[in-house]
PDB file of N, CA and C in Angstrom:
ATOM      1  N   MET A   1      -4.291 -12.286  16.095  1.00  0.00           N
ATOM      2  CA  MET A   1      -3.081 -11.770  15.487  1.00  0.00           C
ATOM      3  C   MET A   1      -2.091 -12.895  15.191  1.00  0.00           C
ATOM      4  N   GLN A   2      -2.601 -14.058  14.954  1.00  0.00           N
ATOM      5  CA  GLN A   2      -1.759 -15.209  14.660  1.00  0.00           C
ATOM      6  C   GLN A   2      -0.899 -14.950  13.427  1.00  0.00           C
ATOM      7  N   GLY A   3      -1.460 -14.247  12.429  1.00  0.00           N
ATOM      8  CA  GLY A   3      -0.708 -13.966  11.212  1.00  0.00           C
ATOM      9  C   GLY A   3       0.537 -13.148  11.470  1.00  0.00           C
ATOM     10  N   SER A   4       0.415 -12.111  12.285  1.00  0.00           N
ATOM     11  CA  SER A   4       1.590 -11.277  12.568  1.00  0.00           C
ATOM     12  C   SER A   4       2.616 -12.041  13.399  1.00  0.00           C
ATOM     13  N   GLU A   5       2.153 -12.941  14.262  1.00  0.00           N
ATOM     14  CA  GLU A   5       3.090 -13.774  15.030  1.00  0.00           C
ATOM     15  C   GLU A   5       3.828 -14.730  14.110  1.00  0.00           C
ATOM     16  N   ASP A   6       3.129 -15.275  13.119  1.00  0.00           N
ATOM     17  CA  ASP A   6       3.769 -16.166  12.148  1.00  0.00           C
ATOM     18  C   ASP A   6       4.817 -15.415  11.329  1.00  0.00           C
ATOM     19  N   LEU A   7       4.477 -14.204  10.915  1.00  0.00           N
ATOM     20  CA  LEU A   7       5.432 -13.393  10.154  1.00  0.00           C
ATOM     21  C   LEU A   7       6.669 -13.087  10.991  1.00  0.00           C
ATOM     22  N   ALA A   8       6.458 -12.754  12.247  1.00  0.00           N
ATOM     23  CA  ALA A   8       7.588 -12.457  13.138  1.00  0.00           C
ATOM     24  C   ALA A   8       8.465 -13.691  13.317  1.00  0.00           C
ATOM     25  N   ALA A   9       7.845 -14.855  13.450  1.00  0.00           N
ATOM     26  CA  ALA A   9       8.609 -16.095  13.613  1.00  0.00           C
ATOM     27  C   ALA A   9       9.426 -16.397  12.360  1.00  0.00           C
ATOM     28  N   LEU A  10       8.846 -16.179  11.189  1.00  0.00           N
ATOM     29  CA  LEU A  10       9.581 -16.391   9.939  1.00  0.00           C
ATOM     30  C   LEU A  10      10.779 -15.451   9.856  1.00  0.00           C
ATOM     31  N   ARG A  11      10.551 -14.190  10.184  1.00  0.00           N
ATOM     32  CA  ARG A  11      11.636 -13.209  10.138  1.00  0.00           C
ATOM     33  C   ARG A  11      12.746 -13.565  11.128  1.00  0.00           C
ATOM     34  N   GLN A  12      12.356 -13.994  12.329  1.00  0.00           N
ATOM     35  CA  GLN A  12      13.354 -14.356  13.340  1.00  0.00           C
ATOM     36  C   GLN A  12      14.200 -15.531  12.878  1.00  0.00           C
ATOM     37  N   GLU A  13      13.559 -16.523  12.260  1.00  0.00           N
ATOM     38  CA  GLU A  13      14.325 -17.680  11.788  1.00  0.00           C
ATOM     39  C   GLU A  13      15.272 -17.277  10.655  1.00  0.00           C
ATOM     40  N   ILE A  14      14.817 -16.407   9.769  1.00  0.00           N
ATOM     41  CA  ILE A  14      15.678 -15.942   8.679  1.00  0.00           C
ATOM     42  C   ILE A  14      16.894 -15.210   9.245  1.00  0.00           C
ATOM     43  N   VAL A  15      16.669 -14.319  10.204  1.00  0.00           N
ATOM     44  CA  VAL A  15      17.778 -13.571  10.814  1.00  0.00           C
ATOM     45  C   VAL A  15      18.746 -14.534  11.505  1.00  0.00           C
ATOM     46  N   TYR A  16      18.212 -15.502  12.227  1.00  0.00           N
ATOM     47  CA  TYR A  16      19.052 -16.490  12.910  1.00  0.00           C
ATOM     48  C   TYR A  16      19.940 -17.238  11.907  1.00  0.00           C
ATOM     49  N   LEU A  17      19.335 -17.701  10.818  1.00  0.00           N
ATOM     50  CA  LEU A  17      20.095 -18.447   9.813  1.00  0.00           C
ATOM     51  C   LEU A  17      21.147 -17.564   9.138  1.00  0.00           C
ATOM     52  N   LEU A  18      20.802 -16.323   8.870  1.00  0.00           N
ATOM     53  CA  LEU A  18      21.767 -15.424   8.242  1.00  0.00           C
ATOM     54  C   LEU A  18      22.937 -15.114   9.180  1.00  0.00           C
ATOM     55  N   ARG A  19      22.642 -15.010  10.466  1.00  0.00           N
ATOM     56  CA  ARG A  19      23.736 -14.809  11.438  1.00  0.00           C
ATOM     57  C   ARG A  19      24.663 -16.024  11.456  1.00  0.00           C
ATOM     58  N   GLN A  20      24.080 -17.212  11.383  1.00  0.00           N
ATOM     59  CA  GLN A  20      24.909 -18.420  11.330  1.00  0.00           C
ATOM     60  C   GLN A  20      25.779 -18.415  10.076  1.00  0.00           C
ATOM     61  N   GLN A  21      25.210 -17.947   8.964  1.00  0.00           N
ATOM     62  CA  GLN A  21      25.985 -17.866   7.720  1.00  0.00           C
ATOM     63  C   GLN A  21      27.180 -16.929   7.902  1.00  0.00           C
ATOM     64  N   MET A  22      26.927 -15.771   8.500  1.00  0.00           N
ATOM     65  CA  MET A  22      28.005 -14.806   8.707  1.00  0.00           C
ATOM     66  C   MET A  22      29.085 -15.378   9.626  1.00  0.00           C
ATOM     67  N   GLU A  23      28.665 -16.072  10.674  1.00  0.00           N
ATOM     68  CA  GLU A  23      29.640 -16.674  11.591  1.00  0.00           C
ATOM     69  C   GLU A  23      30.491 -17.712  10.869  1.00  0.00           C
ATOM     70  N   ALA A  24      29.852 -18.516  10.019  1.00  0.00           N
ATOM     71  CA  ALA A  24      30.590 -19.545   9.285  1.00  0.00           C
ATOM     72  C   ALA A  24      31.586 -18.906   8.322  1.00  0.00           C
ATOM     73  N   LEU A  25      31.161 -17.845   7.662  1.00  0.00           N
ATOM     74  CA  LEU A  25      32.043 -17.185   6.696  1.00  0.00           C
ATOM     75  C   LEU A  25      33.176 -16.422   7.376  1.00  0.00           C
ATOM     76  N   ASP A  26      32.937 -15.925   8.573  1.00  0.00           N
ATOM     77  CA  ASP A  26      33.955 -15.175   9.311  1.00  0.00           C
ATOM     78  C   ASP A  26      34.841 -16.061  10.190  1.00  0.00           C
ATOM     79  N   SER A  27      34.551 -17.337  10.225  1.00  0.00           N
ATOM     80  CA  SER A  27      35.277 -18.242  11.110  1.00  0.00           C
ATOM     81  C   SER A  27      36.767 -18.314  10.746  1.00  0.00           C
ATOM     82  N   PRO A  28      37.611 -18.231  11.762  1.00  0.00           N
ATOM     83  CA  PRO A  28      39.057 -18.357  11.494  1.00  0.00           C
ATOM     84  C   PRO A  28      39.437 -19.787  11.095  1.00  0.00           C
ATOM     85  N   LEU A  29      38.523 -20.717  11.293  1.00  0.00           N
ATOM     86  CA  LEU A  29      38.799 -22.114  10.952  1.00  0.00           C
ATOM     87  C   LEU A  29      38.660 -22.375   9.452  1.00  0.00           C
ATOM     88  N   GLY A  30      38.082 -21.423   8.725  1.00  0.00           N
ATOM     89  CA  GLY A  30      37.922 -21.593   7.286  1.00  0.00           C
ATOM     90  C   GLY A  30      36.684 -22.410   6.946  1.00  0.00           C
ATOM     91  N   LEU A  31      36.450 -22.544   5.667  1.00  0.00           N
ATOM     92  CA  LEU A  31      35.284 -23.303   5.204  1.00  0.00           C
ATOM     93  C   LEU A  31      35.719 -24.704   4.783  1.00  0.00           C
ATOM     94  N   THR A  32      35.395 -25.651   5.619  1.00  0.00           N
ATOM     95  CA  THR A  32      35.625 -27.044   5.265  1.00  0.00           C
ATOM     96  C   THR A  32      34.453 -27.492   4.389  1.00  0.00           C
ATOM     97  N   ASP A  33      34.554 -28.661   3.826  1.00  0.00           N
ATOM     98  CA  ASP A  33      33.443 -29.186   3.021  1.00  0.00           C
ATOM     99  C   ASP A  33      32.175 -29.302   3.857  1.00  0.00           C
ATOM    100  N   ALA A  34      32.325 -29.733   5.105  1.00  0.00           N
ATOM    101  CA  ALA A  34      31.163 -29.890   5.984  1.00  0.00           C
ATOM    102  C   ALA A  34      30.520 -28.532   6.282  1.00  0.00           C
ATOM    103  N   ARG A  35      31.335 -27.527   6.558  1.00  0.00           N
ATOM    104  CA  ARG A  35      30.801 -26.186   6.842  1.00  0.00           C
ATOM    105  C   ARG A  35      30.145 -25.581   5.601  1.00  0.00           C
ATOM    106  N   LEU A  36      30.761 -25.798   4.467  1.00  0.00           N
ATOM    107  CA  LEU A  36      30.206 -25.297   3.222  1.00  0.00           C
ATOM    108  C   LEU A  36      28.863 -25.972   2.929  1.00  0.00           C
ATOM    109  N   SER A  37      28.783 -27.250   3.205  1.00  0.00           N
ATOM    110  CA  SER A  37      27.527 -27.989   3.018  1.00  0.00           C
ATOM    111  C   SER A  37      26.426 -27.411   3.911  1.00  0.00           C
ATOM    112  N   LYS A  38      26.766 -27.109   5.165  1.00  0.00           N
ATOM    113  CA  LYS A  38      25.807 -26.498   6.089  1.00  0.00           C
ATOM    114  C   LYS A  38      25.365 -25.117   5.581  1.00  0.00           C
ATOM    115  N   CYS A  39      26.307 -24.376   5.011  1.00  0.00           N
ATOM    116  CA  CYS A  39      25.972 -23.056   4.456  1.00  0.00           C
ATOM    117  C   CYS A  39      24.946 -23.198   3.334  1.00  0.00           C
ATOM    118  N   TYR A  40      25.148 -24.177   2.469  1.00  0.00           N
ATOM    119  CA  TYR A  40      24.189 -24.394   1.382  1.00  0.00           C
ATOM    120  C   TYR A  40      22.817 -24.798   1.916  1.00  0.00           C
ATOM    121  N   GLU A  41      22.809 -25.623   2.961  1.00  0.00           N
ATOM    122  CA  GLU A  41      21.537 -26.021   3.574  1.00  0.00           C
ATOM    123  C   GLU A  41      20.818 -24.807   4.162  1.00  0.00           C
ATOM    124  N   ARG A  42      21.569 -23.962   4.874  1.00  0.00           N
ATOM    125  CA  ARG A  42      20.960 -22.751   5.443  1.00  0.00           C
ATOM    126  C   ARG A  42      20.465 -21.817   4.350  1.00  0.00           C
ATOM    127  N   GLN A  43      21.255 -21.696   3.291  1.00  0.00           N
ATOM    128  CA  GLN A  43      20.861 -20.829   2.180  1.00  0.00           C
ATOM    129  C   GLN A  43      19.544 -21.315   1.569  1.00  0.00           C
ATOM    130  N   ALA A  44      19.398 -22.607   1.395  1.00  0.00           N
ATOM    131  CA  ALA A  44      18.158 -23.171   0.846  1.00  0.00           C
ATOM    132  C   ALA A  44      16.990 -22.918   1.793  1.00  0.00           C
ATOM    133  N   ARG A  45      17.240 -23.061   3.086  1.00  0.00           N
ATOM    134  CA  ARG A  45      16.183 -22.820   4.082  1.00  0.00           C
ATOM    135  C   ARG A  45      15.770 -21.346   4.099  1.00  0.00           C
ATOM    136  N   VAL A  46      16.728 -20.442   4.014  1.00  0.00           N
ATOM    137  CA  VAL A  46      16.417 -19.012   3.965  1.00  0.00           C
ATOM    138  C   VAL A  46      15.558 -18.723   2.731  1.00  0.00           C
ATOM    139  N   HIS A  47      15.895 -19.330   1.618  1.00  0.00           N
ATOM    140  CA  HIS A  47      15.111 -19.133   0.392  1.00  0.00           C
ATOM    141  C   HIS A  47      13.669 -19.595   0.592  1.00  0.00           C
ATOM    142  N   GLU A  48      13.477 -20.770   1.195  1.00  0.00           N
ATOM    143  CA  GLU A  48      12.129 -21.285   1.480  1.00  0.00           C
ATOM    144  C   GLU A  48      11.359 -20.335   2.391  1.00  0.00           C
ATOM    145  N   LEU A  49      12.017 -19.874   3.438  1.00  0.00           N
ATOM    146  CA  LEU A  49      11.367 -18.979   4.398  1.00  0.00           C
ATOM    147  C   LEU A  49      11.005 -17.641   3.762  1.00  0.00           C
ATOM    148  N   ARG A  50      11.867 -17.131   2.900  1.00  0.00           N
ATOM    149  CA  ARG A  50      11.567 -15.867   2.222  1.00  0.00           C
ATOM    150  C   ARG A  50      10.358 -16.015   1.310  1.00  0.00           C
ATOM    151  N   GLU A  51      10.249 -17.164   0.649  1.00  0.00           N
ATOM    152  CA  GLU A  51       9.079 -17.410  -0.200  1.00  0.00           C
ATOM    153  C   GLU A  51       7.805 -17.469   0.641  1.00  0.00           C
ATOM    154  N   LYS A  52       7.876 -18.154   1.788  1.00  0.00           N
ATOM    155  CA  LYS A  52       6.722 -18.216   2.691  1.00  0.00           C
ATOM    156  C   LYS A  52       6.346 -16.838   3.201  1.00  0.00           C
ATOM    157  N   LEU A  53       7.349 -16.070   3.584  1.00  0.00           N
ATOM    158  CA  LEU A  53       7.125 -14.725   4.095  1.00  0.00           C
ATOM    159  C   LEU A  53       6.478 -13.844   3.025  1.00  0.00           C
ATOM    160  N   GLN A  54       7.000 -13.914   1.811  1.00  0.00           N
ATOM    161  CA  GLN A  54       6.450 -13.115   0.718  1.00  0.00           C
ATOM    162  C   GLN A  54       5.008 -13.525   0.430  1.00  0.00           C
ATOM    163  N   ALA A  55       4.723 -14.810   0.441  1.00  0.00           N
ATOM    164  CA  ALA A  55       3.364 -15.284   0.195  1.00  0.00           C
ATOM    165  C   ALA A  55       2.418 -14.808   1.295  1.00  0.00           C
ATOM    166  N   ALA A  56       2.877 -14.852   2.527  1.00  0.00           N
ATOM    167  CA  ALA A  56       2.048 -14.418   3.652  1.00  0.00           C
ATOM    168  C   ALA A  56       1.789 -12.917   3.590  1.00  0.00           C
ATOM    169  N   ILE A  57       2.808 -12.152   3.244  1.00  0.00           N
ATOM    170  CA  ILE A  57       2.654 -10.705   3.141  1.00  0.00           C
ATOM    171  C   ILE A  57       1.724 -10.355   1.977  1.00  0.00           C
ATOM    172  N   SER A  58       1.866 -11.055   0.865  1.00  0.00           N
ATOM    173  CA  SER A  58       1.022 -10.799  -0.304  1.00  0.00           C
ATOM    174  C   SER A  58      -0.431 -11.142  -0.032  1.00  0.00           C
ATOM    175  N   ALA A  59      -0.672 -12.140   0.793  1.00  0.00           N
ATOM    176  CA  ALA A  59      -2.035 -12.574   1.095  1.00  0.00           C
ATOM    177  C   ALA A  59      -2.717 -11.642   2.088  1.00  0.00           C
ATOM    178  N   GLU A  60      -1.961 -10.973   2.944  1.00  0.00           N
ATOM    179  CA  GLU A  60      -2.545 -10.111   3.983  1.00  0.00           C
ATOM    180  C   GLU A  60      -3.420  -8.983   3.437  1.00  0.00           C
ATOM    181  N   PRO A  61      -2.971  -8.182   2.475  1.00  0.00           N
ATOM    182  CA  PRO A  61      -3.807  -7.071   2.006  1.00  0.00           C
ATOM    183  C   PRO A  61      -5.136  -7.530   1.418  1.00  0.00           C
ATOM    184  N   GLU A  62      -5.172  -8.712   0.812  1.00  0.00           N
ATOM    185  CA  GLU A  62      -6.412  -9.223   0.255  1.00  0.00           C
ATOM    186  C   GLU A  62      -7.446  -9.407   1.350  1.00  0.00           C
ATOM    187  N   VAL A  63      -7.030  -9.940   2.480  1.00  0.00           N
ATOM    188  CA  VAL A  63      -7.949 -10.150   3.597  1.00  0.00           C
ATOM    189  C   VAL A  63      -8.432  -8.810   4.127  1.00  0.00           C
ATOM    190  N   VAL A  64      -7.525  -7.852   4.267  1.00  0.00           N
ATOM    191  CA  VAL A  64      -7.879  -6.541   4.789  1.00  0.00           C
ATOM    192  C   VAL A  64      -8.820  -5.834   3.826  1.00  0.00           C
ATOM    193  N   SER A  65      -8.493  -5.844   2.527  1.00  0.00           N
ATOM    194  CA  SER A  65      -9.323  -5.136   1.572  1.00  0.00           C
ATOM    195  C   SER A  65     -10.695  -5.792   1.460  1.00  0.00           C
ATOM    196  N   THR A  66     -10.767  -7.103   1.567  1.00  0.00           N
ATOM    197  CA  THR A  66     -12.050  -7.787   1.523  1.00  0.00           C
ATOM    198  C   THR A  66     -12.897  -7.394   2.717  1.00  0.00           C
ATOM    199  N   SER A  67     -12.307  -7.343   3.906  1.00  0.00           N
ATOM    200  CA  SER A  67     -13.077  -6.977   5.086  1.00  0.00           C
ATOM    201  C   SER A  67     -13.488  -5.512   5.019  1.00  0.00           C
ATOM    202  N   GLN A  68     -12.654  -4.646   4.430  1.00  0.00           N
ATOM    203  CA  GLN A  68     -13.022  -3.237   4.286  1.00  0.00           C
ATOM    204  C   GLN A  68     -14.185  -3.094   3.319  1.00  0.00           C
ATOM    205  N   LYS A  69     -14.154  -3.849   2.215  1.00  0.00           N
ATOM    206  CA  LYS A  69     -15.248  -3.791   1.256  1.00  0.00           C
ATOM    207  C   LYS A  69     -16.537  -4.265   1.912  1.00  0.00           C
ATOM    208  N   THR A  70     -16.453  -5.334   2.681  1.00  0.00           N
ATOM    209  CA  THR A  70     -17.630  -5.880   3.343  1.00  0.00           C
ATOM    210  C   THR A  70     -18.212  -4.856   4.303  1.00  0.00           C
ATOM    211  N   SER A  71     -17.359  -4.233   5.101  1.00  0.00           N
ATOM    212  CA  SER A  71     -17.892  -3.281   6.067  1.00  0.00           C
ATOM    213  C   SER A  71     -18.466  -2.058   5.360  1.00  0.00           C
ATOM    214  N   THR A  72     -17.896  -1.637   4.227  1.00  0.00           N
ATOM    215  CA  THR A  72     -18.454  -0.520   3.470  1.00  0.00           C
ATOM    216  C   THR A  72     -19.807  -0.906   2.897  1.00  0.00           C
ATOM    217  N   LEU A  73     -19.897  -2.112   2.370  1.00  0.00           N
ATOM    218  CA  LEU A  73     -21.167  -2.583   1.830  1.00  0.00           C
ATOM    219  C   LEU A  73     -22.213  -2.688   2.925  1.00  0.00           C
ATOM    220  N   GLU A  74     -21.810  -3.165   4.086  1.00  0.00           N
ATOM    221  CA  GLU A  74     -22.749  -3.295   5.193  1.00  0.00           C
ATOM    222  C   GLU A  74     -23.257  -1.928   5.625  1.00  0.00           C
ATOM    223  N   GLN A  75     -22.404  -0.928   5.616  1.00  0.00           N
ATOM    224  CA  GLN A  75     -22.789   0.409   6.063  1.00  0.00           C
ATOM    225  C   GLN A  75     -23.739   1.079   5.069  1.00  0.00           C
ATOM    226  N   THR A  76     -23.568   0.806   3.764  1.00  0.00           N
ATOM    227  CA  THR A  76     -24.389   1.462   2.759  1.00  0.00           C
ATOM    228  C   THR A  76     -25.603   0.635   2.331  1.00  0.00           C
ATOM    229  N   SER A  77     -25.731  -0.553   2.857  1.00  0.00           N
ATOM    230  CA  SER A  77     -26.829  -1.428   2.475  1.00  0.00           C
ATOM    231  C   SER A  77     -28.156  -0.862   2.975  1.00  0.00           C
ATOM    232  N   PRO A  78     -29.192  -0.839   2.125  1.00  0.00           N
ATOM    233  CA  PRO A  78     -30.500  -0.372   2.563  1.00  0.00           C
ATOM    234  C   PRO A  78     -31.076  -1.236   3.698  1.00  0.00           C
ATOM    235  N   LEU A  79     -30.690  -2.485   3.736  1.00  0.00           N
ATOM    236  CA  LEU A  79     -31.173  -3.362   4.811  1.00  0.00           C
ATOM    237  C   LEU A  79     -30.645  -2.917   6.154  1.00  0.00           C
ATOM    238  N   ASN A  80     -29.390  -2.484   6.201  1.00  0.00           N
ATOM    239  CA  ASN A  80     -28.797  -2.016   7.449  1.00  0.00           C
ATOM    240  C   ASN A  80     -29.287  -0.632   7.824  1.00  0.00           C
ATOM    241  N   ALA A  81     -29.713   0.184   6.855  1.00  0.00           N
ATOM    242  CA  ALA A  81     -30.205   1.527   7.144  1.00  0.00           C
ATOM    243  C   ALA A  81     -31.480   1.449   7.980  1.00  0.00           C
ATOM    244  N   GLY A  82     -32.337   0.487   7.677  1.00  0.00           N
ATOM    245  CA  GLY A  82     -33.563   0.324   8.431  1.00  0.00           C
ATOM    246  C   GLY A  82     -33.316  -0.189   9.821  1.00  0.00           C
ATOM    247  N   ALA A  83     -32.231  -0.944  10.009  1.00  0.00           N
ATOM    248  CA  ALA A  83     -31.941  -1.524  11.319  1.00  0.00           C
ATOM    249  C   ALA A  83     -31.457  -0.468  12.313  1.00  0.00           C
ATOM    250  N   SER A  84     -30.885   0.629  11.791  1.00  0.00           N
ATOM    251  CA  SER A  84     -30.345   1.640  12.700  1.00  0.00           C
ATOM    252  C   SER A  84     -31.408   2.651  13.123  1.00  0.00           C
ATOM    253  N   ILE A  85     -32.606   2.598  12.545  1.00  0.00           N
ATOM    254  CA  ILE A  85     -33.673   3.548  12.886  1.00  0.00           C
ATOM    255  C   ILE A  85     -34.361   3.148  14.150  1.00  0.00           C
TER     256      ILE A  85
END
């Protein structure tokens, strides 16, 4: 289940970064140039992570559907029918 752990880790990092963004925007100290720069860095990182997450999610069904097709083919194969007798 390494894939689901990777997805969870990506989601956790995205949530963490978004919370930092909210804290920076809600700060009573205001947005200095340095804080604004950090916000842009976090925003870029969130974008990268979302792309990775989307790619990982898009790739998952292909693996599942391929394994389902294989198991269906294995079950209906005449070679396997003789093995179960």
